[in-house]
C-alpha atoms as a PDB file:
ATOM      1  CA  UNK A   1     105.137 146.010-114.436  1.00  0.00           C
ATOM      2  CA  UNK A   2     102.310 143.517-114.779  1.00  0.00           C
ATOM      3  CA  UNK A   3     102.246 141.031-117.667  1.00  0.00           C
ATOM      4  CA  UNK A   4      98.815 139.848-118.803  1.00  0.00           C
ATOM      5  CA  UNK A   5      99.320 138.429-122.301  1.00  0.00           C
ATOM      6  CA  UNK A   6     101.975 137.205-124.739  1.00  0.00           C
ATOM      7  CA  UNK A   7     101.635 137.986-128.448  1.00  0.00           C
ATOM      8  CA  UNK A   8     105.117 137.311-129.842  1.00  0.00           C
ATOM      9  CA  UNK A   9     107.956 135.006-128.767  1.00  0.00           C
ATOM     10  CA  UNK A  10     111.263 134.118-130.435  1.00  0.00           C
ATOM     11  CA  UNK A  11     110.128 135.164-133.900  1.00  0.00           C
ATOM     12  CA  UNK A  12     106.756 133.441-133.598  1.00  0.00           C
ATOM     13  CA  UNK A  13     103.437 135.285-133.584  1.00  0.00           C
ATOM     14  CA  UNK A  14     100.968 133.963-131.011  1.00  0.00           C
ATOM     15  CA  UNK A  15      97.938 136.014-132.072  1.00  0.00           C
ATOM     16  CA  UNK A  16      96.031 132.959-133.296  1.00  0.00           C
ATOM     17  CA  UNK A  17      96.758 130.910-130.180  1.00  0.00           C
ATOM     18  CA  UNK A  18      93.956 130.709-127.623  1.00  0.00           C
ATOM     19  CA  UNK A  19      94.250 132.912-124.544  1.00  0.00           C
ATOM     20  CA  UNK A  20      94.719 130.001-122.137  1.00  0.00           C
ATOM     21  CA  UNK A  21      97.633 128.715-124.266  1.00  0.00           C
ATOM     22  CA  UNK A  22      99.241 132.178-124.486  1.00  0.00           C
ATOM     23  CA  UNK A  23      99.009 132.581-120.718  1.00  0.00           C
ATOM     24  CA  UNK A  24     100.462 129.114-120.176  1.00  0.00           C
ATOM     25  CA  UNK A  25     103.515 130.039-122.254  1.00  0.00           C
ATOM     26  CA  UNK A  26     103.796 133.412-120.498  1.00  0.00           C
ATOM     27  CA  UNK A  27     103.755 131.742-117.091  1.00  0.00           C
ATOM     28  CA  UNK A  28     106.494 129.330-118.172  1.00  0.00           C
ATOM     29  CA  UNK A  29     108.909 132.014-119.387  1.00  0.00           C
ATOM     30  CA  UNK A  30     108.270 134.843-116.911  1.00  0.00           C
ATOM     31  CA  UNK A  31     110.333 134.936-113.743  1.00  0.00           C
ATOM     32  CA  UNK A  32     108.300 137.003-111.325  1.00  0.00           C
ATOM     33  CA  UNK A  33     110.099 139.530-109.140  1.00  0.00           C
ATOM     34  CA  UNK A  34     109.496 142.998-107.691  1.00  0.00           C
ATOM     35  CA  UNK A  35     109.675 144.558-111.163  1.00  0.00           C
ATOM     36  CA  UNK A  36     107.653 142.008-113.155  1.00  0.00           C
ATOM     37  CA  UNK A  37     104.554 140.103-112.071  1.00  0.00           C
ATOM     38  CA  UNK A  38     101.712 138.193-113.678  1.00  0.00           C
ATOM     39  CA  UNK A  39      98.290 139.815-113.513  1.00  0.00           C
ATOM     40  CA  UNK A  40      96.042 137.959-111.065  1.00  0.00           C
ATOM     41  CA  UNK A  41      93.913 135.534-113.033  1.00  0.00           C
ATOM     42  CA  UNK A  42      90.955 133.444-111.914  1.00  0.00           C
ATOM     43  CA  UNK A  43      88.853 131.021-113.915  1.00  0.00           C
ATOM     44  CA  UNK A  44      85.110 131.330-113.308  1.00  0.00           C
ATOM     45  CA  UNK A  45      82.935 128.786-115.065  1.00  0.00           C
ATOM     46  CA  UNK A  46      79.646 130.662-115.530  1.00  0.00           C
ATOM     47  CA  UNK A  47      79.303 131.362-111.789  1.00  0.00           C
ATOM     48  CA  UNK A  48      77.930 134.894-111.465  1.00  0.00           C
ATOM     49  CA  UNK A  49      78.377 134.950-107.682  1.00  0.00           C
ATOM     50  CA  UNK A  50      82.065 134.051-107.994  1.00  0.00           C
ATOM     51  CA  UNK A  51      82.498 136.745-110.648  1.00  0.00           C
ATOM     52  CA  UNK A  52      80.852 139.306-108.382  1.00  0.00           C
ATOM     53  CA  UNK A  53      83.055 138.273-105.440  1.00  0.00           C
ATOM     54  CA  UNK A  54      86.214 138.556-107.559  1.00  0.00           C
ATOM     55  CA  UNK A  55      85.042 141.922-108.904  1.00  0.00           C
ATOM     56  CA  UNK A  56      84.444 143.263-105.388  1.00  0.00           C
ATOM     57  CA  UNK A  57      87.914 142.070-104.358  1.00  0.00           C
ATOM     58  CA  UNK A  58      89.460 143.866-107.344  1.00  0.00           C
ATOM     59  CA  UNK A  59      87.694 147.129-106.450  1.00  0.00           C
ATOM     60  CA  UNK A  60      88.731 146.811-102.797  1.00  0.00           C
ATOM     61  CA  UNK A  61      92.352 146.425-103.968  1.00  0.00           C
ATOM     62  CA  UNK A  62      92.092 149.836-105.634  1.00  0.00           C
ATOM     63  CA  UNK A  63      91.666 148.763-109.265  1.00  0.00           C
ATOM     64  CA  UNK A  64      88.973 150.033-111.641  1.00  0.00           C
ATOM     65  CA  UNK A  65      87.502 146.561-112.053  1.00  0.00           C
ATOM     66  CA  UNK A  66      88.054 143.506-114.243  1.00  0.00           C
ATOM     67  CA  UNK A  67      88.607 142.495-117.830  1.00  0.00           C
ATOM     68  CA  UNK A  68      86.608 139.297-118.367  1.00  0.00           C
ATOM     69  CA  UNK A  69      88.019 137.142-121.162  1.00  0.00           C
ATOM     70  CA  UNK A  70      87.024 133.939-122.908  1.00  0.00           C
ATOM     71  CA  UNK A  71      89.989 131.557-122.376  1.00  0.00           C
ATOM     72  CA  UNK A  72      89.414 130.159-125.881  1.00  0.00           C
ATOM     73  CA  UNK A  73      89.620 133.562-127.579  1.00  0.00           C
ATOM     74  CA  UNK A  74      92.387 134.561-129.975  1.00  0.00           C
ATOM     75  CA  UNK A  75      93.918 138.047-129.953  1.00  0.00           C
ATOM     76  CA  UNK A  76      92.096 140.447-132.295  1.00  0.00           C
ATOM     77  CA  UNK A  77      93.469 143.975-132.047  1.00  0.00           C
ATOM     78  CA  UNK A  78      90.818 146.701-132.163  1.00  0.00           C
ATOM     79  CA  UNK A  79      87.918 144.263-132.531  1.00  0.00           C
ATOM     80  CA  UNK A  80      84.907 144.729-130.243  1.00  0.00           C
ATOM     81  CA  UNK A  81      82.955 141.691-129.131  1.00  0.00           C
ATOM     82  CA  UNK A  82      81.896 139.498-126.226  1.00  0.00           C
ATOM     83  CA  UNK A  83      85.172 137.577-125.918  1.00  0.00           C
ATOM     84  CA  UNK A  84      86.703 140.403-123.860  1.00  0.00           C
ATOM     85  CA  UNK A  85      84.489 142.531-121.625  1.00  0.00           C
ATOM     86  CA  UNK A  86      85.478 145.380-119.306  1.00  0.00           C
ATOM     87  CA  UNK A  87      83.638 145.287-115.992  1.00  0.00           C
ATOM     88  CA  UNK A  88      84.099 148.612-114.221  1.00  0.00           C
ATOM     89  CA  UNK A  89      82.469 150.434-111.354  1.00  0.00           C
ATOM     90  CA  UNK A  90      81.809 154.146-111.621  1.00  0.00           C
ATOM     91  CA  UNK A  91      84.107 156.328-109.529  1.00  0.00           C
ATOM     92  CA  UNK A  92      81.169 158.201-108.002  1.00  0.00           C
ATOM     93  CA  UNK A  93      77.998 156.342-107.137  1.00  0.00           C
ATOM     94  CA  UNK A  94      74.793 157.997-108.340  1.00  0.00           C
ATOM     95  CA  UNK A  95      73.170 156.622-105.172  1.00  0.00           C
ATOM     96  CA  UNK A  96      74.508 158.999-102.541  1.00  0.00           C
ATOM     97  CA  UNK A  97      72.272 157.764 -99.729  1.00  0.00           C
ATOM     98  CA  UNK A  98      71.751 154.123 -98.708  1.00  0.00           C
ATOM     99  CA  UNK A  99      68.278 152.600 -98.573  1.00  0.00           C
ATOM    100  CA  UNK A 100      66.673 150.230 -96.084  1.00  0.00           C
ATOM    101  CA  UNK A 101      65.337 147.075 -97.739  1.00  0.00           C
ATOM    102  CA  UNK A 102      63.591 143.942 -96.494  1.00  0.00           C
ATOM    103  CA  UNK A 103      64.898 140.399 -96.975  1.00  0.00           C
ATOM    104  CA  UNK A 104      62.205 138.338 -98.732  1.00  0.00           C
ATOM    105  CA  UNK A 105      64.232 135.480-100.232  1.00  0.00           C
ATOM    106  CA  UNK A 106      67.660 133.944-100.711  1.00  0.00           C
ATOM    107  CA  UNK A 107      69.698 131.981-103.232  1.00  0.00           C
ATOM    108  CA  UNK A 108      72.091 129.201-102.276  1.00  0.00           C
ATOM    109  CA  UNK A 109      75.734 129.971-102.923  1.00  0.00           C
ATOM    110  CA  UNK A 110      78.085 128.025-105.161  1.00  0.00           C
ATOM    111  CA  UNK A 111      81.816 127.430-105.120  1.00  0.00           C
ATOM    112  CA  UNK A 112      83.349 129.103-102.081  1.00  0.00           C
ATOM    113  CA  UNK A 113      79.874 130.142-100.922  1.00  0.00           C
ATOM    114  CA  UNK A 114      78.471 126.614-100.953  1.00  0.00           C
ATOM    115  CA  UNK A 115      76.598 125.816 -97.750  1.00  0.00           C
ATOM    116  CA  UNK A 116      75.372 129.346 -97.163  1.00  0.00           C
ATOM    117  CA  UNK A 117      73.379 131.944 -99.071  1.00  0.00           C
ATOM    118  CA  UNK A 118      75.160 133.520-102.011  1.00  0.00           C
ATOM    119  CA  UNK A 119      72.679 136.377-102.391  1.00  0.00           C
ATOM    120  CA  UNK A 120      69.554 137.780-100.763  1.00  0.00           C
ATOM    121  CA  UNK A 121      66.417 138.946-102.551  1.00  0.00           C
ATOM    122  CA  UNK A 122      65.628 142.442-101.274  1.00  0.00           C
ATOM    123  CA  UNK A 123      62.410 144.441-101.453  1.00  0.00           C
ATOM    124  CA  UNK A 124      61.046 147.934-100.873  1.00  0.00           C
ATOM    125  CA  UNK A 125      57.738 148.499 -99.081  1.00  0.00           C
ATOM    126  CA  UNK A 126      54.510 149.730-100.672  1.00  0.00           C
ATOM    127  CA  UNK A 127      52.252 151.222 -97.951  1.00  0.00           C
ATOM    128  CA  UNK A 128      49.382 151.604-100.437  1.00  0.00           C
ATOM    129  CA  UNK A 129      49.306 147.859-101.131  1.00  0.00           C
ATOM    130  CA  UNK A 130      50.865 146.728 -97.847  1.00  0.00           C
ATOM    131  CA  UNK A 131      53.243 144.711-100.020  1.00  0.00           C
ATOM    132  CA  UNK A 132      56.952 144.185-100.539  1.00  0.00           C
ATOM    133  CA  UNK A 133      58.280 144.577-104.082  1.00  0.00           C
ATOM    134  CA  UNK A 134      61.690 143.299-105.136  1.00  0.00           C
ATOM    135  CA  UNK A 135      64.376 145.762-106.174  1.00  0.00           C
ATOM    136  CA  UNK A 136      67.653 143.788-106.162  1.00  0.00           C
ATOM    137  CA  UNK A 137      69.571 140.592-105.460  1.00  0.00           C
ATOM    138  CA  UNK A 138      72.320 141.447-102.986  1.00  0.00           C
ATOM    139  CA  UNK A 139      75.435 139.297-102.642  1.00  0.00           C
ATOM    140  CA  UNK A 140      78.187 141.861-102.068  1.00  0.00           C
ATOM    141  CA  UNK A 141      79.431 143.724 -99.014  1.00  0.00           C
ATOM    142  CA  UNK A 142      79.313 140.758 -96.622  1.00  0.00           C
ATOM    143  CA  UNK A 143      82.371 139.507 -94.794  1.00  0.00           C
ATOM    144  CA  UNK A 144      83.015 135.755 -94.900  1.00  0.00           C
ATOM    145  CA  UNK A 145      81.825 135.537 -91.297  1.00  0.00           C
ATOM    146  CA  UNK A 146      78.599 137.419 -92.049  1.00  0.00           C
ATOM    147  CA  UNK A 147      77.896 135.140 -95.007  1.00  0.00           C
ATOM    148  CA  UNK A 148      78.451 132.029 -92.906  1.00  0.00           C
ATOM    149  CA  UNK A 149      75.978 133.298 -90.287  1.00  0.00           C
ATOM    150  CA  UNK A 150      73.173 134.140 -92.734  1.00  0.00           C
ATOM    151  CA  UNK A 151      71.281 130.787 -92.659  1.00  0.00           C
ATOM    152  CA  UNK A 152      71.168 130.764 -88.850  1.00  0.00           C
ATOM    153  CA  UNK A 153      70.374 134.482 -88.662  1.00  0.00           C
ATOM    154  CA  UNK A 154      67.372 134.105 -90.983  1.00  0.00           C
ATOM    155  CA  UNK A 155      66.247 130.638 -89.853  1.00  0.00           C
ATOM    156  CA  UNK A 156      63.359 131.898 -87.691  1.00  0.00           C
ATOM    157  CA  UNK A 157      61.811 133.711 -90.672  1.00  0.00           C
ATOM    158  CA  UNK A 158      62.186 130.857 -93.180  1.00  0.00           C
ATOM    159  CA  UNK A 159      59.024 129.563 -94.907  1.00  0.00           C
ATOM    160  CA  UNK A 160      58.457 127.024 -97.691  1.00  0.00           C
ATOM    161  CA  UNK A 161      56.683 129.424-100.060  1.00  0.00           C
ATOM    162  CA  UNK A 162      56.690 133.040-101.149  1.00  0.00           C
ATOM    163  CA  UNK A 163      55.002 135.174 -98.495  1.00  0.00           C
ATOM    164  CA  UNK A 164      51.570 136.510 -99.598  1.00  0.00           C
ATOM    165  CA  UNK A 165      52.699 140.111 -99.089  1.00  0.00           C
ATOM    166  CA  UNK A 166      55.693 139.711-101.425  1.00  0.00           C
ATOM    167  CA  UNK A 167      55.265 140.640-105.089  1.00  0.00           C
ATOM    168  CA  UNK A 168      58.086 139.063-107.071  1.00  0.00           C
ATOM    169  CA  UNK A 169      58.747 137.754-110.572  1.00  0.00           C
ATOM    170  CA  UNK A 170      61.896 136.019-109.336  1.00  0.00           C
ATOM    171  CA  UNK A 171      61.841 132.483-107.948  1.00  0.00           C
ATOM    172  CA  UNK A 172      64.121 132.298-104.920  1.00  0.00           C
ATOM    173  CA  UNK A 173      65.640 129.114-103.496  1.00  0.00           C
ATOM    174  CA  UNK A 174      64.452 130.049-100.009  1.00  0.00           C
ATOM    175  CA  UNK A 175      61.684 132.404 -98.865  1.00  0.00           C
ATOM    176  CA  UNK A 176      61.282 134.423 -95.676  1.00  0.00           C
ATOM    177  CA  UNK A 177      58.580 136.266 -93.802  1.00  0.00           C
ATOM    178  CA  UNK A 178      59.391 139.938 -94.531  1.00  0.00           C
ATOM    179  CA  UNK A 179      60.906 140.987 -91.202  1.00  0.00           C
ATOM    180  CA  UNK A 180      64.659 141.527 -91.437  1.00  0.00           C
ATOM    181  CA  UNK A 181      65.779 144.959 -92.676  1.00  0.00           C
ATOM    182  CA  UNK A 182      69.222 145.710 -94.128  1.00  0.00           C
ATOM    183  CA  UNK A 183      70.891 148.942 -95.146  1.00  0.00           C
ATOM    184  CA  UNK A 184      71.933 148.798 -98.796  1.00  0.00           C
ATOM    185  CA  UNK A 185      74.014 151.068-101.018  1.00  0.00           C
ATOM    186  CA  UNK A 186      74.215 150.671-104.781  1.00  0.00           C
ATOM    187  CA  UNK A 187      75.725 152.440-107.766  1.00  0.00           C
ATOM    188  CA  UNK A 188      72.471 153.593-109.306  1.00  0.00           C
ATOM    189  CA  UNK A 189      68.817 152.764-109.868  1.00  0.00           C
ATOM    190  CA  UNK A 190      67.985 151.444-113.324  1.00  0.00           C
ATOM    191  CA  UNK A 191      64.976 150.173-115.249  1.00  0.00           C
ATOM    192  CA  UNK A 192      64.420 146.440-114.847  1.00  0.00           C
ATOM    193  CA  UNK A 193      62.425 143.877-116.846  1.00  0.00           C
ATOM    194  CA  UNK A 194      62.324 141.627-113.777  1.00  0.00           C
ATOM    195  CA  UNK A 195      62.014 143.469-110.472  1.00  0.00           C
ATOM    196  CA  UNK A 196      58.553 144.606-109.385  1.00  0.00           C
ATOM    197  CA  UNK A 197      59.346 147.804-107.482  1.00  0.00           C
ATOM    198  CA  UNK A 198      57.827 150.672-109.474  1.00  0.00           C
ATOM    199  CA  UNK A 199      56.334 148.282-112.030  1.00  0.00           C
ATOM    200  CA  UNK A 200      54.467 150.199-114.763  1.00  0.00           C
ATOM    201  CA  UNK A 201      54.875 153.417-112.754  1.00  0.00           C
ATOM    202  CA  UNK A 202      57.934 154.717-114.595  1.00  0.00           C
ATOM    203  CA  UNK A 203      57.742 152.762-117.828  1.00  0.00           C
ATOM    204  CA  UNK A 204      55.296 150.208-119.226  1.00  0.00           C
ATOM    205  CA  UNK A 205      56.266 146.606-118.436  1.00  0.00           C
ATOM    206  CA  UNK A 206      59.312 147.650-116.412  1.00  0.00           C
ATOM    207  CA  UNK A 207      60.236 148.021-112.778  1.00  0.00           C
ATOM    208  CA  UNK A 208      63.263 149.481-111.012  1.00  0.00           C
ATOM    209  CA  UNK A 209      66.421 147.789-109.773  1.00  0.00           C
ATOM    210  CA  UNK A 210      69.422 148.839-107.713  1.00  0.00           C
ATOM    211  CA  UNK A 211      72.624 148.171-109.646  1.00  0.00           C
ATOM    212  CA  UNK A 212      75.597 146.691-107.748  1.00  0.00           C
ATOM    213  CA  UNK A 213      73.861 146.589-104.336  1.00  0.00           C
ATOM    214  CA  UNK A 214      76.170 146.240-101.331  1.00  0.00           C
ATOM    215  CA  UNK A 215      75.301 145.216 -97.776  1.00  0.00           C
ATOM    216  CA  UNK A 216      76.044 148.010 -95.289  1.00  0.00           C
ATOM    217  CA  UNK A 217      74.628 146.478 -92.115  1.00  0.00           C
ATOM    218  CA  UNK A 218      71.447 145.345 -90.382  1.00  0.00           C
ATOM    219  CA  UNK A 219      68.827 147.873 -89.256  1.00  0.00           C
ATOM    220  CA  UNK A 220      67.776 146.357 -85.952  1.00  0.00           C
ATOM    221  CA  UNK A 221      65.987 149.624 -85.153  1.00  0.00           C
ATOM    222  CA  UNK A 222      63.573 149.264 -88.073  1.00  0.00           C
ATOM    223  CA  UNK A 223      60.626 147.024 -88.798  1.00  0.00           C
ATOM    224  CA  UNK A 224      59.618 145.987 -92.331  1.00  0.00           C
ATOM    225  CA  UNK A 225      57.009 148.759 -92.625  1.00  0.00           C
ATOM    226  CA  UNK A 226      59.757 151.283 -91.803  1.00  0.00           C
ATOM    227  CA  UNK A 227      61.782 150.265 -94.857  1.00  0.00           C
ATOM    228  CA  UNK A 228      62.362 152.505 -97.860  1.00  0.00           C
ATOM    229  CA  UNK A 229      59.117 152.750 -99.803  1.00  0.00           C
ATOM    230  CA  UNK A 230      58.432 152.030-103.442  1.00  0.00           C
ATOM    231  CA  UNK A 231      57.590 155.706-103.984  1.00  0.00           C
ATOM    232  CA  UNK A 232      60.919 156.772-102.470  1.00  0.00           C
ATOM    233  CA  UNK A 233      62.781 154.454-104.864  1.00  0.00           C
ATOM    234  CA  UNK A 234      60.845 155.981-107.782  1.00  0.00           C
ATOM    235  CA  UNK A 235      61.718 159.509-106.630  1.00  0.00           C
ATOM    236  CA  UNK A 236      65.396 158.568-106.297  1.00  0.00           C
ATOM    237  CA  UNK A 237      65.335 157.265-109.866  1.00  0.00           C
ATOM    238  CA  UNK A 238      63.763 160.500-111.129  1.00  0.00           C
ATOM    239  CA  UNK A 239      66.375 162.574-109.287  1.00  0.00           C
ATOM    240  CA  UNK A 240      69.096 160.572-111.042  1.00  0.00           C
ATOM    241  CA  UNK A 241      67.549 161.448-114.403  1.00  0.00           C
ATOM    242  CA  UNK A 242      67.650 165.150-113.507  1.00  0.00           C
ATOM    243  CA  UNK A 243      71.373 164.882-112.711  1.00  0.00           C
ATOM    244  CA  UNK A 244      72.020 163.152-116.045  1.00  0.00           C
ATOM    245  CA  UNK A 245      70.052 165.833-117.923  1.00  0.00           C
ATOM    246  CA  UNK A 246      72.077 168.613-116.238  1.00  0.00           C
ATOM    247  CA  UNK A 247      75.375 166.848-117.025  1.00  0.00           C
ATOM    248  CA  UNK A 248      74.355 166.369-120.671  1.00  0.00           C
ATOM    249  CA  UNK A 249      73.319 170.025-120.939  1.00  0.00           C
ATOM    250  CA  UNK A 250      76.694 171.145-119.532  1.00  0.00           C
ATOM    251  CA  UNK A 251      78.513 168.894-121.993  1.00  0.00           C
ATOM    252  CA  UNK A 252      76.576 170.411-124.910  1.00  0.00           C
ATOM    253  CA  UNK A 253      77.374 173.950-123.705  1.00  0.00           C
ATOM    254  CA  UNK A 254      81.087 173.143-123.407  1.00  0.00           C
ATOM    255  CA  UNK A 255      81.061 171.614-126.889  1.00  0.00           C
END
């Protein structure tokens, strides 16, 4: 049994106590053993990369995901809001096949990832424009060793400005000549107000983004022009919509 909260103790209701205080009391009174343990808890102070790392660890451990809570929140049964948020990954990824994307930028890591890159800016290729258009920021799927090697691995391609062939609305910390290709798998492709892949081609003032992208390995056998194209990303998105429409139709028939 895993204990994650304490609402009542010795005749005293703790509903109006803040979460961090309730957990402090719980930790003081609970004697952990094989039958009773505290749920793993980690404080993340607005660091998205740390949250993503912790989420990936939770999924790898076989859980559905995380419940993200404001440590200052009180307990409100049945109330929806932003104080408690479920962060779950779908059981079956809508992206069945991985894609090959080009590294065009990077973002410095924070916390445990300080000193290396915390995420890479990835792009698909547009043969018509001979340009690379961003489709995701990828920070998951790397081992600690792979993360540590990233700056040295990409050093030869590093430049002090965005490459002329890169079309991006996102300002990266570091830019690269579009050379290095990585295999990427995500959960699904969604509309994006930021990424430029498929911009205005599916919906006005929107591009496409890969949700929960994960690094699968380097494609040493491919050059940047061999990467997954913008049109292929668009077609993958449209195929997803067809699957959703079929599932919705089946649900209506069963109802």
